[in-house]
Protein backbone atom coordinates (compact mmCIF):
# COMPACT_ATOMS: atom_id res chain seq x y z
CA MET A 1 -161.54 -91.52 4.22
CA PHE A 2 -161.45 -87.74 4.19
CA GLY A 3 -159.01 -84.92 4.64
CA ALA A 4 -159.74 -81.74 6.58
CA THR A 5 -158.14 -79.10 8.78
CA ALA A 6 -158.99 -77.61 12.17
CA THR A 7 -157.73 -74.34 13.62
CA THR A 8 -156.88 -74.40 17.32
CA ARG A 9 -156.90 -71.72 20.00
CA HIS A 10 -153.21 -71.10 19.26
CA GLY A 11 -153.97 -70.41 15.61
CA ASN A 12 -152.33 -73.66 14.55
CA GLU A 13 -153.80 -75.46 11.54
CA LEU A 14 -154.01 -79.22 12.02
CA ALA A 15 -154.48 -81.51 9.03
CA TYR A 16 -156.32 -84.74 9.77
CA ASP A 17 -157.74 -87.81 8.06
CA GLY A 18 -160.00 -90.59 9.17
CA THR A 19 -163.38 -92.26 8.96
CA VAL A 20 -165.31 -90.54 11.75
CA SER A 21 -168.83 -89.55 10.74
CA ARG A 22 -171.88 -88.03 12.39
CA THR A 23 -173.79 -91.29 12.08
CA GLY A 24 -171.21 -93.51 13.73
CA GLU A 25 -171.43 -95.13 17.13
CA GLY A 26 -168.93 -96.02 19.80
CA PRO A 27 -165.69 -94.26 20.71
CA VAL A 28 -163.58 -92.72 17.96
CA ALA A 29 -159.95 -93.86 18.04
CA VAL A 30 -157.77 -90.73 17.88
CA LEU A 31 -154.24 -91.68 16.78
CA VAL A 32 -151.48 -89.49 18.25
CA HIS A 33 -148.05 -89.94 16.65
CA GLY A 34 -144.70 -89.80 18.40
CA LEU A 35 -141.72 -87.45 18.25
CA GLY A 36 -140.35 -87.11 14.72
CA ALA A 37 -143.03 -89.53 13.52
CA LEU A 38 -146.01 -89.39 11.18
CA PRO A 39 -149.69 -90.41 11.15
CA ALA A 40 -148.59 -93.03 8.59
CA HIS A 41 -146.94 -94.92 11.44
CA PHE A 42 -150.48 -96.01 12.43
CA SER A 43 -151.40 -97.38 8.99
CA TRP A 44 -151.69 -101.01 10.10
CA TYR A 45 -153.80 -99.96 13.11
CA ALA A 46 -156.10 -97.93 10.85
CA ARG A 47 -156.59 -100.99 8.63
CA ALA A 48 -157.49 -103.12 11.64
CA LEU A 49 -159.95 -100.50 12.88
CA ASN A 50 -161.52 -100.32 9.41
CA ALA A 51 -161.88 -104.09 9.28
CA ASP A 52 -163.67 -104.04 12.64
CA GLY A 53 -165.97 -101.21 11.58
CA ARG A 54 -164.53 -98.78 14.12
CA GLN A 55 -164.07 -95.12 13.32
CA TRP A 56 -160.76 -93.34 13.74
CA LEU A 57 -159.01 -90.02 13.25
CA ALA A 58 -155.29 -89.40 12.64
CA TYR A 59 -153.64 -85.99 12.53
CA SER A 60 -150.29 -84.29 12.15
CA ARG A 61 -149.19 -82.06 15.01
CA ALA A 62 -148.38 -78.43 14.23
CA GLY A 63 -145.25 -78.29 12.06
CA TYR A 64 -145.56 -81.87 10.79
CA GLY A 65 -146.79 -82.77 7.32
CA ALA A 66 -149.52 -80.46 6.10
CA SER A 67 -150.14 -78.99 9.58
CA ARG A 68 -148.89 -75.48 10.25
CA ARG A 69 -147.77 -73.83 13.47
CA HIS A 70 -148.80 -70.18 13.75
CA ALA A 71 -148.54 -69.78 17.54
CA SER A 72 -146.63 -66.64 18.50
CA THR A 73 -145.54 -67.81 21.96
CA PRO A 74 -142.60 -70.10 22.81
CA TYR A 75 -143.53 -73.75 22.38
CA HIS A 76 -144.34 -75.99 25.34
CA LEU A 77 -146.03 -79.39 25.52
CA GLY A 78 -149.22 -77.79 26.76
CA GLU A 79 -149.66 -76.22 23.31
CA SER A 80 -149.85 -79.66 21.70
CA VAL A 81 -152.26 -80.82 24.41
CA ASP A 82 -154.47 -77.78 23.74
CA ASP A 83 -154.32 -78.54 20.02
CA LEU A 84 -155.39 -82.14 20.57
CA VAL A 85 -158.30 -81.10 22.79
CA ASP A 86 -159.41 -78.49 20.24
CA LEU A 87 -159.12 -80.99 17.38
CA ILE A 88 -161.39 -83.45 19.16
CA GLU A 89 -163.93 -80.73 19.90
CA ALA A 90 -163.90 -79.71 16.22
CA ALA A 91 -163.76 -83.09 14.50
CA VAL A 92 -165.57 -85.58 16.76
CA PRO A 93 -169.37 -85.22 16.96
CA ILE A 94 -170.80 -84.02 20.26
CA GLY A 95 -171.80 -86.96 22.40
CA ARG A 96 -169.19 -89.34 20.99
CA GLN A 97 -166.40 -90.50 23.27
CA VAL A 98 -162.81 -90.93 22.13
CA SER A 99 -160.15 -93.56 22.67
CA LEU A 100 -156.80 -91.75 22.66
CA VAL A 101 -154.16 -94.00 21.09
CA GLY A 102 -150.69 -92.51 21.55
CA HIS A 103 -147.26 -93.81 20.59
CA SER A 104 -144.09 -92.66 22.39
CA LEU A 105 -144.42 -88.92 23.14
CA GLY A 106 -147.90 -89.15 21.66
CA GLY A 107 -148.86 -91.39 24.58
CA GLU A 108 -147.89 -88.70 27.06
CA LEU A 109 -149.76 -86.02 25.11
CA ALA A 110 -152.80 -88.33 25.01
CA ARG A 111 -152.61 -88.88 28.78
CA ARG A 112 -152.53 -85.14 29.44
CA ALA A 113 -155.39 -84.52 27.04
CA ALA A 114 -157.42 -87.24 28.78
CA VAL A 115 -157.11 -85.36 32.07
CA ARG A 116 -158.57 -82.30 30.38
CA LEU A 117 -161.31 -84.08 28.40
CA GLY A 118 -162.77 -85.95 31.38
CA GLU A 119 -165.95 -87.90 30.57
CA ARG A 120 -165.33 -87.43 26.85
CA VAL A 121 -162.60 -90.08 27.13
CA HIS A 122 -163.57 -93.72 26.86
CA SER A 123 -159.98 -95.00 27.13
CA VAL A 124 -156.30 -94.27 26.72
CA VAL A 125 -154.11 -96.68 24.77
CA TYR A 126 -150.40 -96.27 25.49
CA VAL A 127 -148.26 -97.72 22.68
CA ASP A 128 -144.69 -98.00 24.01
CA SER A 129 -145.44 -94.66 25.60
CA SER A 130 -143.26 -91.99 27.10
CA HIS A 131 -143.61 -91.14 30.80
CA PRO A 132 -142.95 -87.68 32.26
CA GLN A 133 -140.46 -89.08 34.78
CA GLN A 134 -138.51 -91.26 32.37
CA LEU A 135 -135.41 -89.04 32.34
CA ASP A 136 -135.14 -89.23 36.13
CA ARG A 137 -136.32 -92.77 36.86
CA SER A 138 -134.52 -94.45 33.95
CA SER A 139 -130.76 -93.99 33.94
CA GLN A 140 -130.64 -95.14 30.33
CA GLN A 141 -133.23 -92.62 29.20
CA GLY A 142 -131.51 -89.85 31.09
CA ALA A 143 -128.12 -90.67 29.60
CA ASN A 144 -129.50 -90.85 26.05
CA ALA A 145 -131.22 -87.45 26.16
CA ARG A 146 -128.26 -85.49 24.82
CA HIS A 147 -127.72 -87.95 21.96
CA ILE A 148 -131.37 -87.70 20.93
CA GLU A 149 -131.13 -83.93 20.55
CA GLU A 150 -127.89 -84.19 18.59
CA MET A 151 -129.42 -86.71 16.19
CA ILE A 152 -132.54 -84.64 15.58
CA ARG A 153 -130.57 -81.42 15.13
CA SER A 154 -128.06 -82.92 12.69
CA THR A 155 -130.87 -84.45 10.61
CA SER A 156 -132.73 -81.14 10.52
CA VAL A 157 -129.60 -79.26 9.40
CA SER A 158 -128.82 -81.83 6.70
CA LEU A 159 -132.32 -81.63 5.27
CA ARG A 160 -132.28 -77.85 5.31
CA MET A 161 -129.13 -78.08 3.20
CA GLY A 162 -131.05 -80.03 0.58
CA LEU A 163 -129.58 -83.44 1.36
CA GLY A 164 -132.99 -85.11 1.59
CA VAL A 165 -132.53 -86.53 -1.92
CA LEU A 166 -129.70 -88.65 -0.52
CA MET A 167 -131.77 -90.06 2.34
CA GLN A 168 -132.32 -93.80 2.10
CA THR A 169 -135.86 -95.07 2.58
CA PRO A 170 -135.89 -96.47 6.12
CA GLY A 171 -137.04 -99.99 6.77
CA TRP A 172 -140.09 -98.91 8.72
CA ILE A 173 -141.45 -97.06 5.68
CA ARG A 174 -140.84 -100.09 3.45
CA ASN A 175 -142.89 -102.09 5.96
CA LEU A 176 -145.93 -99.83 5.66
CA PRO A 177 -148.85 -100.60 3.33
CA ALA A 178 -147.81 -99.76 -0.25
CA PRO A 179 -150.34 -96.91 -0.79
CA VAL A 180 -148.88 -94.76 2.00
CA ARG A 181 -145.15 -95.27 1.45
CA SER A 182 -144.43 -92.46 -1.01
CA ARG A 183 -146.28 -89.84 1.02
CA ALA A 184 -144.61 -91.06 4.22
CA MET A 185 -141.17 -90.79 2.66
CA ALA A 186 -141.87 -87.30 1.31
CA GLU A 187 -142.91 -86.09 4.76
CA TYR A 188 -140.10 -87.91 6.56
CA ALA A 189 -137.46 -86.31 4.30
CA ASN A 190 -138.89 -82.82 4.79
CA HIS A 191 -136.89 -80.66 7.20
CA ARG A 192 -140.13 -79.34 8.73
CA VAL A 193 -140.73 -82.67 10.49
CA TRP A 194 -137.30 -82.54 12.09
CA THR A 195 -137.58 -78.86 13.00
CA ALA A 196 -140.85 -79.63 14.77
CA ALA A 197 -139.30 -82.70 16.42
CA LEU A 198 -136.39 -80.65 17.75
CA ARG A 199 -138.78 -78.06 19.15
CA GLU A 200 -140.84 -80.78 20.82
CA TRP A 201 -137.84 -82.65 22.20
CA ARG A 202 -136.38 -79.55 23.85
CA ALA A 203 -139.75 -78.74 25.40
CA ALA A 204 -140.27 -82.36 26.51
CA GLU A 205 -136.84 -82.52 28.16
CA ARG A 206 -137.49 -79.31 30.09
CA ASP A 207 -140.94 -80.51 31.09
CA PHE A 208 -139.91 -84.02 32.07
CA ARG A 209 -136.95 -82.89 34.19
CA SER A 210 -139.22 -80.57 36.17
CA PHE A 211 -142.11 -83.03 36.59
CA GLU A 212 -142.68 -83.94 40.24
CA GLY A 213 -145.70 -86.23 40.00
CA PRO A 214 -147.64 -88.22 40.88
CA LEU A 215 -149.68 -88.86 37.77
CA PRO A 216 -153.27 -87.62 38.13
CA ARG A 217 -155.90 -90.32 38.34
CA LEU A 218 -157.93 -91.05 35.22
CA ASP A 219 -161.49 -92.38 35.19
CA ALA A 220 -161.11 -94.19 31.87
CA HIS A 221 -160.19 -97.63 30.59
CA ALA A 222 -156.56 -98.23 29.66
CA LEU A 223 -154.49 -100.51 27.45
CA VAL A 224 -150.72 -100.41 27.88
CA LEU A 225 -148.76 -101.99 25.02
CA SER A 226 -145.02 -102.30 25.59
CA ALA A 227 -142.44 -103.31 22.99
CA GLN A 228 -140.33 -106.21 24.23
CA HIS A 229 -137.06 -104.69 23.01
CA THR A 230 -137.82 -101.47 24.89
CA VAL A 231 -138.40 -103.13 28.26
CA ASP A 232 -135.66 -105.76 27.82
CA ARG A 233 -133.11 -103.04 27.12
CA ASP A 234 -134.44 -100.79 29.88
CA PRO A 235 -136.33 -102.63 32.67
CA ASP A 236 -137.04 -99.28 34.34
CA HIS A 237 -139.31 -98.49 31.42
CA LEU A 238 -141.57 -101.44 32.25
CA LEU A 239 -142.04 -99.95 35.72
CA LEU A 240 -142.89 -96.62 34.13
CA HIS A 241 -145.49 -98.33 31.96
CA LYS A 242 -146.93 -99.97 35.07
CA ASP A 243 -147.19 -96.51 36.59
CA LEU A 244 -149.30 -95.40 33.60
CA ALA A 245 -151.66 -98.33 34.12
CA ASP A 246 -151.91 -97.75 37.87
CA ALA A 247 -153.02 -94.15 37.31
CA HIS A 248 -156.40 -95.42 36.02
CA LEU A 249 -159.14 -95.89 38.57
CA THR A 250 -160.05 -99.27 39.98
CA GLY A 251 -163.22 -100.58 38.36
CA ARG A 252 -162.12 -99.65 34.86
CA THR A 253 -160.67 -102.21 32.48
CA VAL A 254 -156.89 -101.85 32.59
CA ARG A 255 -154.75 -104.22 30.56
CA SER A 256 -151.00 -104.34 30.11
CA THR A 257 -149.12 -106.54 27.68
CA VAL A 258 -145.65 -106.83 26.20
CA VAL A 259 -145.66 -107.41 22.43
CA GLU A 260 -143.00 -110.08 21.95
CA THR A 261 -140.03 -109.33 19.64
CA ALA A 262 -141.35 -105.82 18.90
CA ASP A 263 -139.15 -102.74 19.08
CA HIS A 264 -140.22 -99.11 19.51
CA ASP A 265 -141.08 -98.56 15.83
CA GLY A 266 -141.92 -102.16 14.91
CA ILE A 267 -144.87 -102.23 17.31
CA LEU A 268 -146.47 -99.85 14.79
CA THR A 269 -144.85 -100.57 11.46
CA ASP A 270 -143.90 -104.25 11.26
CA PRO A 271 -146.87 -105.93 9.54
CA ARG A 272 -146.91 -108.95 11.84
CA LEU A 273 -146.14 -107.20 15.13
CA ALA A 274 -148.35 -104.21 14.40
CA GLY A 275 -151.07 -106.67 13.44
CA GLU A 276 -150.75 -108.38 16.82
CA ALA A 277 -150.84 -105.06 18.69
CA ALA A 278 -153.79 -103.83 16.61
CA ARG A 279 -155.71 -107.05 17.31
CA ARG A 280 -155.26 -106.40 21.02
CA LEU A 281 -156.48 -102.83 20.53
CA VAL A 282 -159.58 -103.93 18.63
CA ALA A 283 -160.37 -106.63 21.22
CA PHE A 284 -159.92 -104.13 24.03
CA LEU A 285 -162.30 -101.65 22.38
CA GLY A 286 -164.82 -104.42 21.76
CA ASP A 287 -164.75 -105.60 25.36
CA THR A 288 -164.95 -102.14 26.90
CA THR A 289 -167.79 -100.91 24.70
CA ALA A 290 -170.03 -103.94 25.32
CA VAL A 291 -172.01 -102.05 27.96
CA LEU A 292 -175.00 -103.93 29.34
CA PRO A 293 -178.40 -102.13 29.63
CA SER A 294 -178.21 -102.34 33.42
CA ALA A 295 -175.01 -100.31 33.53
CA THR A 296 -175.61 -96.74 34.67
CA ALA A 297 -173.69 -93.53 34.15
CA GLY A 298 -170.66 -93.21 36.38
CA GLN A 299 -170.52 -96.98 37.03
CA PRO A 300 -168.38 -99.56 35.23
CA SER A 301 -170.21 -101.99 32.97
CA ALA A 302 -170.41 -105.66 33.87
CA THR A 303 -167.80 -106.37 31.22
CA ALA A 304 -165.44 -103.80 32.69
CA ALA A 305 -165.94 -105.09 36.21
CA GLN A 306 -165.30 -108.68 35.22
CA GLU A 307 -162.28 -108.06 33.00
CA GLY A 308 -160.54 -105.21 34.78
CA THR A 309 -157.01 -106.31 35.66
CA ARG A 310 -153.85 -104.60 36.77
C-alpha cells in the first residue's frame, strides 16, 4: 500500500492509494467511487484483488477526502473525467492497461474515461452504475432527483454548522473492514464530502437531462453488476444496465449479473454480498487476461471469443 497525489490539468490535487507498481503485470483495477461516497466503499473489493495478486488504485475525486479542487472554472462532469484520465497517465506505468471499476456515478465517469483512453482500457466494470439517460428513461429516477438534491444540501448545511459530532455511524461503515472504519467515518462526517457531492449532483442532473445518446461504442471487455434491490424497485434501471453492456463491441467478453439481495450500497459494503460481487470481478479479470499466444493485437483472445455473452 502507498499514498500519493497527482495534479491534473485543472490544477486539482488527487490523493490516491493502491498497490500498483512498475514491476506488475496485467491490468490495474482503478476504483472510482460514487456520489457522496468514499474510496473506502471498495475495501472488500481491494481485499479480494490483493488475495488474487492483482494490482489496484483507489482515489478520492477533487473535494473528497484529502483531494483538493483548485479549478477556477464552473464544475462539470467532464472535469472529473479529465481528472481520472490524468490520474491514470500519472500513476499507472506506461504500457499497462486499466480496468475501470465504477460504482453509481463512478460507473458513468469510468465509461466516459474509457472512451477517451481507448486501447489503454482493458475493461469497464459497472457496479450498480448510473446511466446518462436515467432521469428520462426511469420515471422513478426522474421523480427522485429533487429529493436527492435536498438531502445532500441539508446534510452539507448541517455539517457546516458543526453537527457532525451528532452524526450516527451508518451501517455501511460498520460493515467495512475494521482498519478503515475510523477514517471512513471522519471523511463521511466532513462537510467537504457533501459540498463536493452537491456540486457533482447538480452537474450530473444538468448533463443527464441534456444527454441525447446513443452511448458510444467501446472496444473493451465489460462486467455489469446490478444490485437486486435496485432493479426490483426500478425495472427500468435493469434496461439501462443492459444498454451499458450493449455499448461494448461484439467479440469482447461482456457479462451481466444481478447480485441477489444486494442493495445499492450493500453490493460494495456488505461483507457477504461485496464478497460475492468481488469474486465475480476477480473471475472476470482472470478470464479476460488469459490471452493465448496466438491472439494478435486488435483481435479478441480465444477466451474472450468463447466466453463473450450478452
